[in-house]
PDB file of N, CA and C in Angstrom:
ATOM      1  N   UNK A   1      11.506  17.395   6.754  1.00  0.00           N
ATOM      2  CA  UNK A   1      10.441  16.539   6.285  1.00  0.00           C
ATOM      3  C   UNK A   1       9.917  17.083   4.950  1.00  0.00           C
ATOM      4  N   UNK A   2       9.707  16.153   4.021  1.00  0.00           N
ATOM      5  CA  UNK A   2       9.194  16.524   2.701  1.00  0.00           C
ATOM      6  C   UNK A   2       7.872  15.789   2.460  1.00  0.00           C
ATOM      7  N   UNK A   3       6.829  16.527   2.143  1.00  0.00           N
ATOM      8  CA  UNK A   3       5.540  15.919   1.837  1.00  0.00           C
ATOM      9  C   UNK A   3       5.546  15.449   0.385  1.00  0.00           C
ATOM     10  N   UNK A   4       5.121  14.219   0.165  1.00  0.00           N
ATOM     11  CA  UNK A   4       5.129  13.637  -1.172  1.00  0.00           C
ATOM     12  C   UNK A   4       3.700  13.371  -1.624  1.00  0.00           C
ATOM     13  N   UNK A   5       3.357  13.843  -2.784  1.00  0.00           N
ATOM     14  CA  UNK A   5       2.052  13.571  -3.384  1.00  0.00           C
ATOM     15  C   UNK A   5       2.273  13.172  -4.843  1.00  0.00           C
ATOM     16  N   UNK A   6       2.776  11.947  -5.049  1.00  0.00           N
ATOM     17  CA  UNK A   6       3.128  11.495  -6.397  1.00  0.00           C
ATOM     18  C   UNK A   6       1.934  11.502  -7.357  1.00  0.00           C
ATOM     19  N   UNK A   7       2.244  11.793  -8.611  1.00  0.00           N
ATOM     20  CA  UNK A   7       1.216  11.823  -9.651  1.00  0.00           C
ATOM     21  C   UNK A   7       0.740  10.423 -10.024  1.00  0.00           C
ATOM     22  N   UNK A   8       1.578   9.409  -9.758  1.00  0.00           N
ATOM     23  CA  UNK A   8       1.268   8.045 -10.186  1.00  0.00           C
ATOM     24  C   UNK A   8       0.454   7.261  -9.163  1.00  0.00           C
ATOM     25  N   UNK A   9      -0.074   7.926  -8.141  1.00  0.00           N
ATOM     26  CA  UNK A   9      -0.836   7.238  -7.101  1.00  0.00           C
ATOM     27  C   UNK A   9      -2.135   7.984  -6.835  1.00  0.00           C
ATOM     28  N   UNK A  10      -3.090   7.300  -6.224  1.00  0.00           N
ATOM     29  CA  UNK A  10      -4.335   7.994  -5.876  1.00  0.00           C
ATOM     30  C   UNK A  10      -4.046   9.176  -4.946  1.00  0.00           C
ATOM     31  N   UNK A  11      -4.794  10.236  -5.110  1.00  0.00           N
ATOM     32  CA  UNK A  11      -4.633  11.431  -4.281  1.00  0.00           C
ATOM     33  C   UNK A  11      -5.179  11.176  -2.884  1.00  0.00           C
ATOM     34  N   UNK A  12      -4.561  11.791  -1.895  1.00  0.00           N
ATOM     35  CA  UNK A  12      -5.064  11.710  -0.532  1.00  0.00           C
ATOM     36  C   UNK A  12      -6.472  12.307  -0.500  1.00  0.00           C
ATOM     37  N   UNK A  13      -7.362  11.682   0.250  1.00  0.00           N
ATOM     38  CA  UNK A  13      -8.750  12.143   0.293  1.00  0.00           C
ATOM     39  C   UNK A  13      -9.091  12.827   1.622  1.00  0.00           C
ATOM     40  N   UNK A  14      -8.079  13.217   2.331  1.00  0.00           N
ATOM     41  CA  UNK A  14      -8.291  13.869   3.621  1.00  0.00           C
ATOM     42  C   UNK A  14      -7.111  14.767   3.960  1.00  0.00           C
ATOM     43  N   UNK A  15      -7.037  15.210   5.203  1.00  0.00           N
ATOM     44  CA  UNK A  15      -5.967  16.117   5.621  1.00  0.00           C
ATOM     45  C   UNK A  15      -4.665  15.375   5.948  1.00  0.00           C
ATOM     46  N   UNK A  16      -4.110  14.699   4.939  1.00  0.00           N
ATOM     47  CA  UNK A  16      -2.855  13.969   5.098  1.00  0.00           C
ATOM     48  C   UNK A  16      -2.151  13.900   3.747  1.00  0.00           C
ATOM     49  N   UNK A  17      -0.886  13.487   3.770  1.00  0.00           N
ATOM     50  CA  UNK A  17      -0.107  13.322   2.539  1.00  0.00           C
ATOM     51  C   UNK A  17      -0.094  11.855   2.135  1.00  0.00           C
ATOM     52  N   UNK A  18       0.016  11.621   0.851  1.00  0.00           N
ATOM     53  CA  UNK A  18       0.144  10.260   0.364  1.00  0.00           C
ATOM     54  C   UNK A  18       1.370   9.600   0.975  1.00  0.00           C
ATOM     55  N   UNK A  19       2.454  10.373   1.080  1.00  0.00           N
ATOM     56  CA  UNK A  19       3.696   9.869   1.664  1.00  0.00           C
ATOM     57  C   UNK A  19       4.506  11.045   2.194  1.00  0.00           C
ATOM     58  N   UNK A  20       5.436  10.713   3.094  1.00  0.00           N
ATOM     59  CA  UNK A  20       6.316  11.709   3.682  1.00  0.00           C
ATOM     60  C   UNK A  20       7.733  11.146   3.669  1.00  0.00           C
ATOM     61  N   UNK A  21       8.686  11.964   3.250  1.00  0.00           N
ATOM     62  CA  UNK A  21      10.092  11.576   3.306  1.00  0.00           C
ATOM     63  C   UNK A  21      10.720  12.291   4.497  1.00  0.00           C
ATOM     64  N   UNK A  22      11.344  11.522   5.390  1.00  0.00           N
ATOM     65  CA  UNK A  22      11.945  12.098   6.588  1.00  0.00           C
ATOM     66  C   UNK A  22      13.067  11.199   7.095  1.00  0.00           C
ATOM     67  N   UNK A  23      14.189  11.795   7.435  1.00  0.00           N
ATOM     68  CA  UNK A  23      15.320  11.085   8.045  1.00  0.00           C
ATOM     69  C   UNK A  23      15.727   9.825   7.281  1.00  0.00           C
ATOM     70  N   UNK A  24      15.741   9.899   5.960  1.00  0.00           N
ATOM     71  CA  UNK A  24      16.193   8.779   5.147  1.00  0.00           C
ATOM     72  C   UNK A  24      15.147   7.703   4.898  1.00  0.00           C
ATOM     73  N   UNK A  25      13.907   7.976   5.285  1.00  0.00           N
ATOM     74  CA  UNK A  25      12.832   7.001   5.080  1.00  0.00           C
ATOM     75  C   UNK A  25      11.657   7.638   4.360  1.00  0.00           C
ATOM     76  N   UNK A  26      10.870   6.795   3.700  1.00  0.00           N
ATOM     77  CA  UNK A  26       9.615   7.209   3.093  1.00  0.00           C
ATOM     78  C   UNK A  26       8.503   6.463   3.822  1.00  0.00           C
ATOM     79  N   UNK A  27       7.569   7.225   4.368  1.00  0.00           N
ATOM     80  CA  UNK A  27       6.430   6.676   5.090  1.00  0.00           C
ATOM     81  C   UNK A  27       5.202   6.835   4.195  1.00  0.00           C
ATOM     82  N   UNK A  28       4.637   5.719   3.762  1.00  0.00           N
ATOM     83  CA  UNK A  28       3.493   5.760   2.862  1.00  0.00           C
ATOM     84  C   UNK A  28       2.217   5.551   3.665  1.00  0.00           C
ATOM     85  N   UNK A  29       1.301   6.499   3.541  1.00  0.00           N
ATOM     86  CA  UNK A  29       0.012   6.388   4.220  1.00  0.00           C
ATOM     87  C   UNK A  29      -0.739   5.169   3.709  1.00  0.00           C
ATOM     88  N   UNK A  30      -1.702   4.722   4.492  1.00  0.00           N
ATOM     89  CA  UNK A  30      -2.519   3.585   4.098  1.00  0.00           C
ATOM     90  C   UNK A  30      -3.128   3.804   2.727  1.00  0.00           C
ATOM     91  N   UNK A  31      -2.956   2.817   1.869  1.00  0.00           N
ATOM     92  CA  UNK A  31      -3.459   2.894   0.497  1.00  0.00           C
ATOM     93  C   UNK A  31      -4.645   1.956   0.331  1.00  0.00           C
ATOM     94  N   UNK A  32      -5.666   2.466  -0.321  1.00  0.00           N
ATOM     95  CA  UNK A  32      -6.837   1.671  -0.663  1.00  0.00           C
ATOM     96  C   UNK A  32      -6.706   1.202  -2.111  1.00  0.00           C
ATOM     97  N   UNK A  33      -7.475   0.200  -2.527  1.00  0.00           N
ATOM     98  CA  UNK A  33      -7.354  -0.346  -3.883  1.00  0.00           C
ATOM     99  C   UNK A  33      -8.038   0.519  -4.948  1.00  0.00           C
ATOM    100  N   UNK A  34      -7.364   1.605  -5.299  1.00  0.00           N
ATOM    101  CA  UNK A  34      -7.881   2.530  -6.300  1.00  0.00           C
ATOM    102  C   UNK A  34      -6.913   2.560  -7.482  1.00  0.00           C
ATOM    103  N   UNK A  35      -7.440   2.383  -8.674  1.00  0.00           N
ATOM    104  CA  UNK A  35      -6.617   2.490  -9.884  1.00  0.00           C
ATOM    105  C   UNK A  35      -6.534   3.980 -10.207  1.00  0.00           C
ATOM    106  N   UNK A  36      -5.322   4.583 -10.106  1.00  0.00           N
ATOM    107  CA  UNK A  36      -5.203   6.036 -10.249  1.00  0.00           C
ATOM    108  C   UNK A  36      -5.683   6.584 -11.589  1.00  0.00           C
ATOM    109  N   UNK A  37      -5.450   5.850 -12.662  1.00  0.00           N
ATOM    110  CA  UNK A  37      -5.786   6.343 -13.997  1.00  0.00           C
ATOM    111  C   UNK A  37      -7.298   6.490 -14.203  1.00  0.00           C
ATOM    112  N   UNK A  38      -8.068   5.601 -13.562  1.00  0.00           N
ATOM    113  CA  UNK A  38      -9.508   5.582 -13.803  1.00  0.00           C
ATOM    114  C   UNK A  38     -10.338   5.954 -12.574  1.00  0.00           C
ATOM    115  N   UNK A  39      -9.714   5.870 -11.393  1.00  0.00           N
ATOM    116  CA  UNK A  39     -10.449   6.105 -10.155  1.00  0.00           C
ATOM    117  C   UNK A  39     -11.267   4.894  -9.724  1.00  0.00           C
ATOM    118  N   UNK A  40     -11.159   3.784 -10.474  1.00  0.00           N
ATOM    119  CA  UNK A  40     -11.907   2.574 -10.139  1.00  0.00           C
ATOM    120  C   UNK A  40     -11.483   2.042  -8.777  1.00  0.00           C
ATOM    121  N   UNK A  41     -12.446   1.710  -7.946  1.00  0.00           N
ATOM    122  CA  UNK A  41     -12.228   1.171  -6.609  1.00  0.00           C
ATOM    123  C   UNK A  41     -12.498  -0.327  -6.659  1.00  0.00           C
ATOM    124  N   UNK A  42     -11.528  -1.142  -6.252  1.00  0.00           N
ATOM    125  CA  UNK A  42     -11.650  -2.601  -6.317  1.00  0.00           C
ATOM    126  C   UNK A  42     -12.268  -3.120  -5.020  1.00  0.00           C
ATOM    127  N   UNK A  43     -13.387  -3.791  -5.131  1.00  0.00           N
ATOM    128  CA  UNK A  43     -14.094  -4.343  -3.976  1.00  0.00           C
ATOM    129  C   UNK A  43     -14.506  -5.775  -4.287  1.00  0.00           C
ATOM    130  N   UNK A  44     -14.329  -6.671  -3.310  1.00  0.00           N
ATOM    131  CA  UNK A  44     -14.790  -8.045  -3.471  1.00  0.00           C
ATOM    132  C   UNK A  44     -13.795  -8.987  -4.124  1.00  0.00           C
ATOM    133  N   UNK A  45     -12.597  -8.521  -4.450  1.00  0.00           N
ATOM    134  CA  UNK A  45     -11.554  -9.361  -5.060  1.00  0.00           C
ATOM    135  C   UNK A  45     -10.242  -9.015  -4.365  1.00  0.00           C
ATOM    136  N   UNK A  46      -9.923  -9.754  -3.305  1.00  0.00           N
ATOM    137  CA  UNK A  46      -8.761  -9.417  -2.476  1.00  0.00           C
ATOM    138  C   UNK A  46      -7.446  -9.529  -3.244  1.00  0.00           C
ATOM    139  N   UNK A  47      -7.363 -10.462  -4.184  1.00  0.00           N
ATOM    140  CA  UNK A  47      -6.142 -10.589  -4.983  1.00  0.00           C
ATOM    141  C   UNK A  47      -5.927  -9.344  -5.842  1.00  0.00           C
ATOM    142  N   UNK A  48      -6.950  -8.942  -6.559  1.00  0.00           N
ATOM    143  CA  UNK A  48      -6.844  -7.755  -7.423  1.00  0.00           C
ATOM    144  C   UNK A  48      -6.605  -6.511  -6.570  1.00  0.00           C
ATOM    145  N   UNK A  49      -7.296  -6.396  -5.444  1.00  0.00           N
ATOM    146  CA  UNK A  49      -7.123  -5.240  -4.563  1.00  0.00           C
ATOM    147  C   UNK A  49      -5.694  -5.160  -4.050  1.00  0.00           C
ATOM    148  N   UNK A  50      -5.133  -6.295  -3.641  1.00  0.00           N
ATOM    149  CA  UNK A  50      -3.751  -6.332  -3.150  1.00  0.00           C
ATOM    150  C   UNK A  50      -2.784  -5.925  -4.252  1.00  0.00           C
ATOM    151  N   UNK A  51      -3.004  -6.450  -5.454  1.00  0.00           N
ATOM    152  CA  UNK A  51      -2.144  -6.114  -6.591  1.00  0.00           C
ATOM    153  C   UNK A  51      -2.190  -4.617  -6.902  1.00  0.00           C
ATOM    154  N   UNK A  52      -3.378  -4.041  -6.896  1.00  0.00           N
ATOM    155  CA  UNK A  52      -3.524  -2.608  -7.183  1.00  0.00           C
ATOM    156  C   UNK A  52      -2.817  -1.783  -6.115  1.00  0.00           C
ATOM    157  N   UNK A  53      -3.026  -2.112  -4.852  1.00  0.00           N
ATOM    158  CA  UNK A  53      -2.394  -1.345  -3.776  1.00  0.00           C
ATOM    159  C   UNK A  53      -0.881  -1.442  -3.850  1.00  0.00           C
ATOM    160  N   UNK A  54      -0.355  -2.652  -3.999  1.00  0.00           N
ATOM    161  CA  UNK A  54       1.108  -2.805  -4.026  1.00  0.00           C
ATOM    162  C   UNK A  54       1.715  -2.164  -5.271  1.00  0.00           C
ATOM    163  N   UNK A  55       0.993  -2.160  -6.373  1.00  0.00           N
ATOM    164  CA  UNK A  55       1.462  -1.438  -7.568  1.00  0.00           C
ATOM    165  C   UNK A  55       1.502   0.056  -7.281  1.00  0.00           C
ATOM    166  N   UNK A  56       0.482   0.580  -6.613  1.00  0.00           N
ATOM    167  CA  UNK A  56       0.484   1.996  -6.244  1.00  0.00           C
ATOM    168  C   UNK A  56       1.638   2.322  -5.308  1.00  0.00           C
ATOM    169  N   UNK A  57       1.900   1.450  -4.341  1.00  0.00           N
ATOM    170  CA  UNK A  57       3.027   1.662  -3.427  1.00  0.00           C
ATOM    171  C   UNK A  57       4.338   1.641  -4.198  1.00  0.00           C
ATOM    172  N   UNK A  58       4.483   0.695  -5.121  1.00  0.00           N
ATOM    173  CA  UNK A  58       5.680   0.628  -5.969  1.00  0.00           C
ATOM    174  C   UNK A  58       5.855   1.929  -6.741  1.00  0.00           C
ATOM    175  N   UNK A  59       4.772   2.436  -7.326  1.00  0.00           N
ATOM    176  CA  UNK A  59       4.842   3.680  -8.097  1.00  0.00           C
ATOM    177  C   UNK A  59       5.192   4.873  -7.217  1.00  0.00           C
ATOM    178  N   UNK A  60       4.612   4.937  -6.033  1.00  0.00           N
ATOM    179  CA  UNK A  60       4.933   6.020  -5.097  1.00  0.00           C
ATOM    180  C   UNK A  60       6.422   5.991  -4.769  1.00  0.00           C
ATOM    181  N   UNK A  61       6.928   4.811  -4.468  1.00  0.00           N
ATOM    182  CA  UNK A  61       8.343   4.681  -4.105  1.00  0.00           C
ATOM    183  C   UNK A  61       9.249   5.047  -5.273  1.00  0.00           C
ATOM    184  N   UNK A  62       8.955   4.534  -6.456  1.00  0.00           N
ATOM    185  CA  UNK A  62       9.808   4.818  -7.613  1.00  0.00           C
ATOM    186  C   UNK A  62       9.778   6.295  -7.967  1.00  0.00           C
ATOM    187  N   UNK A  63       8.617   6.922  -7.907  1.00  0.00           N
ATOM    188  CA  UNK A  63       8.525   8.351  -8.194  1.00  0.00           C
ATOM    189  C   UNK A  63       9.263   9.179  -7.139  1.00  0.00           C
ATOM    190  N   UNK A  64       9.425   8.604  -5.954  1.00  0.00           N
ATOM    191  CA  UNK A  64      10.104   9.294  -4.846  1.00  0.00           C
ATOM    192  C   UNK A  64      11.575   8.911  -4.751  1.00  0.00           C
ATOM    193  N   UNK A  65      12.076   8.136  -5.723  1.00  0.00           N
ATOM    194  CA  UNK A  65      13.488   7.769  -5.758  1.00  0.00           C
ATOM    195  C   UNK A  65      13.836   6.521  -4.966  1.00  0.00           C
ATOM    196  N   UNK A  66      12.871   5.685  -4.659  1.00  0.00           N
ATOM    197  CA  UNK A  66      13.106   4.466  -3.899  1.00  0.00           C
ATOM    198  C   UNK A  66      12.565   3.279  -4.695  1.00  0.00           C
ATOM    199  N   UNK A  67      12.335   2.146  -4.032  1.00  0.00           N
ATOM    200  CA  UNK A  67      11.797   0.971  -4.719  1.00  0.00           C
ATOM    201  C   UNK A  67      11.226  -0.007  -3.700  1.00  0.00           C
ATOM    202  N   UNK A  68      10.505  -1.009  -4.210  1.00  0.00           N
ATOM    203  CA  UNK A  68       9.976  -2.043  -3.323  1.00  0.00           C
ATOM    204  C   UNK A  68      11.077  -2.776  -2.581  1.00  0.00           C
ATOM    205  N   UNK A  69      12.250  -2.885  -3.186  1.00  0.00           N
ATOM    206  CA  UNK A  69      13.362  -3.577  -2.541  1.00  0.00           C
ATOM    207  C   UNK A  69      13.918  -2.817  -1.344  1.00  0.00           C
ATOM    208  N   UNK A  70      13.475  -1.585  -1.143  1.00  0.00           N
ATOM    209  CA  UNK A  70      13.922  -0.800   0.004  1.00  0.00           C
ATOM    210  C   UNK A  70      12.850  -0.719   1.102  1.00  0.00           C
ATOM    211  N   UNK A  71      11.746  -1.440   0.915  1.00  0.00           N
ATOM    212  CA  UNK A  71      10.701  -1.461   1.937  1.00  0.00           C
ATOM    213  C   UNK A  71      11.225  -2.229   3.146  1.00  0.00           C
ATOM    214  N   UNK A  72      11.051  -1.640   4.330  1.00  0.00           N
ATOM    215  CA  UNK A  72      11.505  -2.288   5.560  1.00  0.00           C
ATOM    216  C   UNK A  72      10.351  -2.777   6.427  1.00  0.00           C
ATOM    217  N   UNK A  73       9.149  -2.200   6.254  1.00  0.00           N
ATOM    218  CA  UNK A  73       8.008  -2.570   7.102  1.00  0.00           C
ATOM    219  C   UNK A  73       6.708  -2.345   6.341  1.00  0.00           C
ATOM    220  N   UNK A  74       5.807  -3.306   6.461  1.00  0.00           N
ATOM    221  CA  UNK A  74       4.482  -3.225   5.839  1.00  0.00           C
ATOM    222  C   UNK A  74       3.437  -3.562   6.898  1.00  0.00           C
ATOM    223  N   UNK A  75       2.372  -2.796   6.934  1.00  0.00           N
ATOM    224  CA  UNK A  75       1.195  -3.130   7.734  1.00  0.00           C
ATOM    225  C   UNK A  75       0.028  -3.302   6.778  1.00  0.00           C
ATOM    226  N   UNK A  76      -0.622  -4.452   6.860  1.00  0.00           N
ATOM    227  CA  UNK A  76      -1.786  -4.739   6.018  1.00  0.00           C
ATOM    228  C   UNK A  76      -2.996  -4.930   6.920  1.00  0.00           C
ATOM    229  N   UNK A  77      -4.068  -4.261   6.573  1.00  0.00           N
ATOM    230  CA  UNK A  77      -5.309  -4.325   7.337  1.00  0.00           C
ATOM    231  C   UNK A  77      -6.370  -4.965   6.446  1.00  0.00           C
ATOM    232  N   UNK A  78      -6.932  -6.077   6.888  1.00  0.00           N
ATOM    233  CA  UNK A  78      -7.952  -6.790   6.128  1.00  0.00           C
ATOM    234  C   UNK A  78      -9.226  -6.872   6.964  1.00  0.00           C
ATOM    235  N   UNK A  79     -10.363  -6.745   6.312  1.00  0.00           N
ATOM    236  CA  UNK A  79     -11.624  -6.866   7.043  1.00  0.00           C
ATOM    237  C   UNK A  79     -12.034  -8.322   7.213  1.00  0.00           C
ATOM    238  N   UNK A  80     -11.365  -9.228   6.509  1.00  0.00           N
ATOM    239  CA  UNK A  80     -11.685 -10.654   6.612  1.00  0.00           C
ATOM    240  C   UNK A  80     -10.395 -11.450   6.512  1.00  0.00           C
ATOM    241  N   UNK A  81      -9.883 -11.899   7.665  1.00  0.00           N
ATOM    242  CA  UNK A  81      -8.610 -12.613   7.687  1.00  0.00           C
ATOM    243  C   UNK A  81      -8.700 -13.992   7.025  1.00  0.00           C
ATOM    244  N   UNK A  82      -9.898 -14.452   6.724  1.00  0.00           N
ATOM    245  CA  UNK A  82     -10.008 -15.716   5.981  1.00  0.00           C
ATOM    246  C   UNK A  82      -9.486 -15.536   4.551  1.00  0.00           C
ATOM    247  N   UNK A  83      -9.302 -14.288   4.118  1.00  0.00           N
ATOM    248  CA  UNK A  83      -8.752 -13.984   2.788  1.00  0.00           C
ATOM    249  C   UNK A  83      -7.230 -13.833   2.830  1.00  0.00           C
ATOM    250  N   UNK A  84      -6.628 -14.116   3.995  1.00  0.00           N
ATOM    251  CA  UNK A  84      -5.192 -13.907   4.174  1.00  0.00           C
ATOM    252  C   UNK A  84      -4.351 -14.671   3.159  1.00  0.00           C
ATOM    253  N   UNK A  85      -4.671 -15.931   2.903  1.00  0.00           N
ATOM    254  CA  UNK A  85      -3.842 -16.716   1.976  1.00  0.00           C
ATOM    255  C   UNK A  85      -3.876 -16.133   0.565  1.00  0.00           C
ATOM    256  N   UNK A  86      -5.019 -15.604   0.144  1.00  0.00           N
ATOM    257  CA  UNK A  86      -5.112 -14.970  -1.176  1.00  0.00           C
ATOM    258  C   UNK A  86      -4.278 -13.689  -1.207  1.00  0.00           C
ATOM    259  N   UNK A  87      -4.396 -12.888  -0.152  1.00  0.00           N
ATOM    260  CA  UNK A  87      -3.569 -11.685  -0.019  1.00  0.00           C
ATOM    261  C   UNK A  87      -2.097 -12.057  -0.051  1.00  0.00           C
ATOM    262  N   UNK A  88      -1.720 -13.067   0.751  1.00  0.00           N
ATOM    263  CA  UNK A  88      -0.325 -13.457   0.906  1.00  0.00           C
ATOM    264  C   UNK A  88       0.274 -13.968  -0.400  1.00  0.00           C
ATOM    265  N   UNK A  89      -0.541 -14.650  -1.206  1.00  0.00           N
ATOM    266  CA  UNK A  89      -0.072 -15.162  -2.501  1.00  0.00           C
ATOM    267  C   UNK A  89       0.370 -14.011  -3.411  1.00  0.00           C
ATOM    268  N   UNK A  90      -0.465 -12.988  -3.522  1.00  0.00           N
ATOM    269  CA  UNK A  90      -0.136 -11.834  -4.363  1.00  0.00           C
ATOM    270  C   UNK A  90       1.033 -11.060  -3.764  1.00  0.00           C
ATOM    271  N   UNK A  91       0.999 -10.842  -2.461  1.00  0.00           N
ATOM    272  CA  UNK A  91       2.069 -10.127  -1.756  1.00  0.00           C
ATOM    273  C   UNK A  91       3.422 -10.807  -2.028  1.00  0.00           C
ATOM    274  N   UNK A  92       3.456 -12.138  -1.895  1.00  0.00           N
ATOM    275  CA  UNK A  92       4.695 -12.886  -2.114  1.00  0.00           C
ATOM    276  C   UNK A  92       5.202 -12.770  -3.540  1.00  0.00           C
ATOM    277  N   UNK A  93       4.305 -12.788  -4.520  1.00  0.00           N
ATOM    278  CA  UNK A  93       4.712 -12.648  -5.920  1.00  0.00           C
ATOM    279  C   UNK A  93       5.301 -11.268  -6.180  1.00  0.00           C
ATOM    280  N   UNK A  94       4.684 -10.242  -5.616  1.00  0.00           N
ATOM    281  CA  UNK A  94       5.150  -8.876  -5.882  1.00  0.00           C
ATOM    282  C   UNK A  94       6.466  -8.578  -5.180  1.00  0.00           C
ATOM    283  N   UNK A  95       6.616  -9.013  -3.952  1.00  0.00           N
ATOM    284  CA  UNK A  95       7.858  -8.744  -3.218  1.00  0.00           C
ATOM    285  C   UNK A  95       8.964  -9.743  -3.549  1.00  0.00           C
ATOM    286  N   UNK A  96       8.626 -10.914  -4.063  1.00  0.00           N
ATOM    287  CA  UNK A  96       9.642 -11.889  -4.450  1.00  0.00           C
ATOM    288  C   UNK A  96      10.516 -12.291  -3.273  1.00  0.00           C
ATOM    289  N   UNK A  97      11.826 -12.256  -3.495  1.00  0.00           N
ATOM    290  CA  UNK A  97      12.775 -12.657  -2.457  1.00  0.00           C
ATOM    291  C   UNK A  97      12.946 -11.613  -1.364  1.00  0.00           C
ATOM    292  N   UNK A  98      12.505 -10.405  -1.610  1.00  0.00           N
ATOM    293  CA  UNK A  98      12.594  -9.350  -0.592  1.00  0.00           C
ATOM    294  C   UNK A  98      11.488  -9.572   0.435  1.00  0.00           C
ATOM    295  N   UNK A  99      11.852  -9.660   1.694  1.00  0.00           N
ATOM    296  CA  UNK A  99      10.875  -9.973   2.729  1.00  0.00           C
ATOM    297  C   UNK A  99      10.961  -8.958   3.872  1.00  0.00           C
ATOM    298  N   UNK A 100      10.285  -7.807   3.706  1.00  0.00           N
ATOM    299  CA  UNK A 100      10.291  -6.810   4.780  1.00  0.00           C
ATOM    300  C   UNK A 100       9.506  -7.314   5.999  1.00  0.00           C
ATOM    301  N   UNK A 101       9.732  -6.699   7.150  1.00  0.00           N
ATOM    302  CA  UNK A 101       8.916  -6.992   8.320  1.00  0.00           C
ATOM    303  C   UNK A 101       7.468  -6.656   7.962  1.00  0.00           C
ATOM    304  N   UNK A 102       6.526  -7.400   8.582  1.00  0.00           N
ATOM    305  CA  UNK A 102       5.130  -7.179   8.201  1.00  0.00           C
ATOM    306  C   UNK A 102       4.189  -7.564   9.332  1.00  0.00           C
ATOM    307  N   UNK A 103       3.072  -6.853   9.388  1.00  0.00           N
ATOM    308  CA  UNK A 103       1.954  -7.237  10.235  1.00  0.00           C
ATOM    309  C   UNK A 103       0.722  -7.319   9.337  1.00  0.00           C
ATOM    310  N   UNK A 104      -0.128  -8.301   9.594  1.00  0.00           N
ATOM    311  CA  UNK A 104      -1.405  -8.418   8.892  1.00  0.00           C
ATOM    312  C   UNK A 104      -2.475  -8.505   9.976  1.00  0.00           C
ATOM    313  N   UNK A 105      -3.379  -7.568   9.959  1.00  0.00           N
ATOM    314  CA  UNK A 105      -4.322  -7.395  11.058  1.00  0.00           C
ATOM    315  C   UNK A 105      -5.749  -7.383  10.519  1.00  0.00           C
ATOM    316  N   UNK A 106      -6.646  -8.106  11.187  1.00  0.00           N
ATOM    317  CA  UNK A 106      -8.059  -8.019  10.828  1.00  0.00           C
ATOM    318  C   UNK A 106      -8.673  -6.847  11.581  1.00  0.00           C
ATOM    319  N   UNK A 107      -9.420  -6.039  10.847  1.00  0.00           N
ATOM    320  CA  UNK A 107     -10.094  -4.878  11.427  1.00  0.00           C
ATOM    321  C   UNK A 107     -11.593  -4.958  11.129  1.00  0.00           C
ATOM    322  N   UNK A 108     -12.381  -4.238  11.915  1.00  0.00           N
ATOM    323  CA  UNK A 108     -13.837  -4.278  11.745  1.00  0.00           C
ATOM    324  C   UNK A 108     -14.294  -3.562  10.483  1.00  0.00           C
ATOM    325  N   UNK A 109     -13.614  -2.464  10.147  1.00  0.00           N
ATOM    326  CA  UNK A 109     -14.019  -1.686   8.971  1.00  0.00           C
ATOM    327  C   UNK A 109     -12.858  -0.819   8.515  1.00  0.00           C
ATOM    328  N   UNK A 110     -12.912  -0.426   7.243  1.00  0.00           N
ATOM    329  CA  UNK A 110     -11.907   0.452   6.647  1.00  0.00           C
ATOM    330  C   UNK A 110     -12.621   1.575   5.896  1.00  0.00           C
ATOM    331  N   UNK A 111     -11.897   2.673   5.609  1.00  0.00           N
ATOM    332  CA  UNK A 111     -12.508   3.761   4.840  1.00  0.00           C
ATOM    333  C   UNK A 111     -13.084   3.257   3.517  1.00  0.00           C
ATOM    334  N   UNK A 112     -14.164   3.867   3.095  1.00  0.00           N
ATOM    335  CA  UNK A 112     -14.844   3.550   1.839  1.00  0.00           C
ATOM    336  C   UNK A 112     -15.301   2.096   1.776  1.00  0.00           C
ATOM    337  N   UNK A 113     -15.453   1.470   2.942  1.00  0.00           N
ATOM    338  CA  UNK A 113     -15.875   0.074   3.039  1.00  0.00           C
ATOM    339  C   UNK A 113     -14.925  -0.857   2.277  1.00  0.00           C
ATOM    340  N   UNK A 114     -13.644  -0.494   2.266  1.00  0.00           N
ATOM    341  CA  UNK A 114     -12.635  -1.293   1.578  1.00  0.00           C
ATOM    342  C   UNK A 114     -12.433  -2.628   2.277  1.00  0.00           C
ATOM    343  N   UNK A 115     -11.986  -3.624   1.513  1.00  0.00           N
ATOM    344  CA  UNK A 115     -11.651  -4.932   2.066  1.00  0.00           C
ATOM    345  C   UNK A 115     -10.233  -4.966   2.621  1.00  0.00           C
ATOM    346  N   UNK A 116      -9.396  -4.020   2.166  1.00  0.00           N
ATOM    347  CA  UNK A 116      -7.984  -4.031   2.522  1.00  0.00           C
ATOM    348  C   UNK A 116      -7.388  -2.635   2.436  1.00  0.00           C
ATOM    349  N   UNK A 117      -6.405  -2.381   3.291  1.00  0.00           N
ATOM    350  CA  UNK A 117      -5.603  -1.145   3.245  1.00  0.00           C
ATOM    351  C   UNK A 117      -4.183  -1.552   3.616  1.00  0.00           C
ATOM    352  N   UNK A 118      -3.203  -0.988   2.921  1.00  0.00           N
ATOM    353  CA  UNK A 118      -1.804  -1.322   3.184  1.00  0.00           C
ATOM    354  C   UNK A 118      -0.992  -0.034   3.302  1.00  0.00           C
ATOM    355  N   UNK A 119      -0.125   0.001   4.317  1.00  0.00           N
ATOM    356  CA  UNK A 119       0.822   1.103   4.481  1.00  0.00           C
ATOM    357  C   UNK A 119       2.232   0.519   4.492  1.00  0.00           C
ATOM    358  N   UNK A 120       3.225   1.352   4.192  1.00  0.00           N
ATOM    359  CA  UNK A 120       4.592   0.857   4.111  1.00  0.00           C
ATOM    360  C   UNK A 120       5.596   1.926   4.531  1.00  0.00           C
ATOM    361  N   UNK A 121       6.753   1.442   4.977  1.00  0.00           N
ATOM    362  CA  UNK A 121       7.896   2.309   5.286  1.00  0.00           C
ATOM    363  C   UNK A 121       9.073   1.759   4.476  1.00  0.00           C
ATOM    364  N   UNK A 122       9.776   2.654   3.799  1.00  0.00           N
ATOM    365  CA  UNK A 122      10.914   2.235   2.969  1.00  0.00           C
ATOM    366  C   UNK A 122      12.094   3.175   3.183  1.00  0.00           C
ATOM    367  N   UNK A 123      13.282   2.692   2.902  1.00  0.00           N
ATOM    368  CA  UNK A 123      14.450   3.555   2.872  1.00  0.00           C
ATOM    369  C   UNK A 123      14.330   4.454   1.646  1.00  0.00           C
ATOM    370  N   UNK A 124      14.723   5.692   1.794  1.00  0.00           N
ATOM    371  CA  UNK A 124      14.629   6.645   0.682  1.00  0.00           C
ATOM    372  C   UNK A 124      15.691   6.344  -0.365  1.00  0.00           C
TER     373      UNK A 124
END
């Protein structure tokens, strides 16, 4: 197992790794909508938050030798499922024709009072 803490993504804020490479897969911890360059946290705009998170996931994967096209599973956690269509619109644009397995779940709360958190598993 290799612990991954890419420079192009927000740093882990607790006792965990941003991502882990193991047995031919990359497991990306739940990502919040943080712009790594500025530390800006996106709140109240689910489209922008989704775009920021998926861009961070893309950067983590590329820095780790993988890509969005190798993602096999995504879990998305939203605090308001009425925003699902907005999330899904951005998600569909970013993933394009690649359609990994996915779950989208409404939760009561997320760290830092985020509106959304996304985790992913990809082939290395």
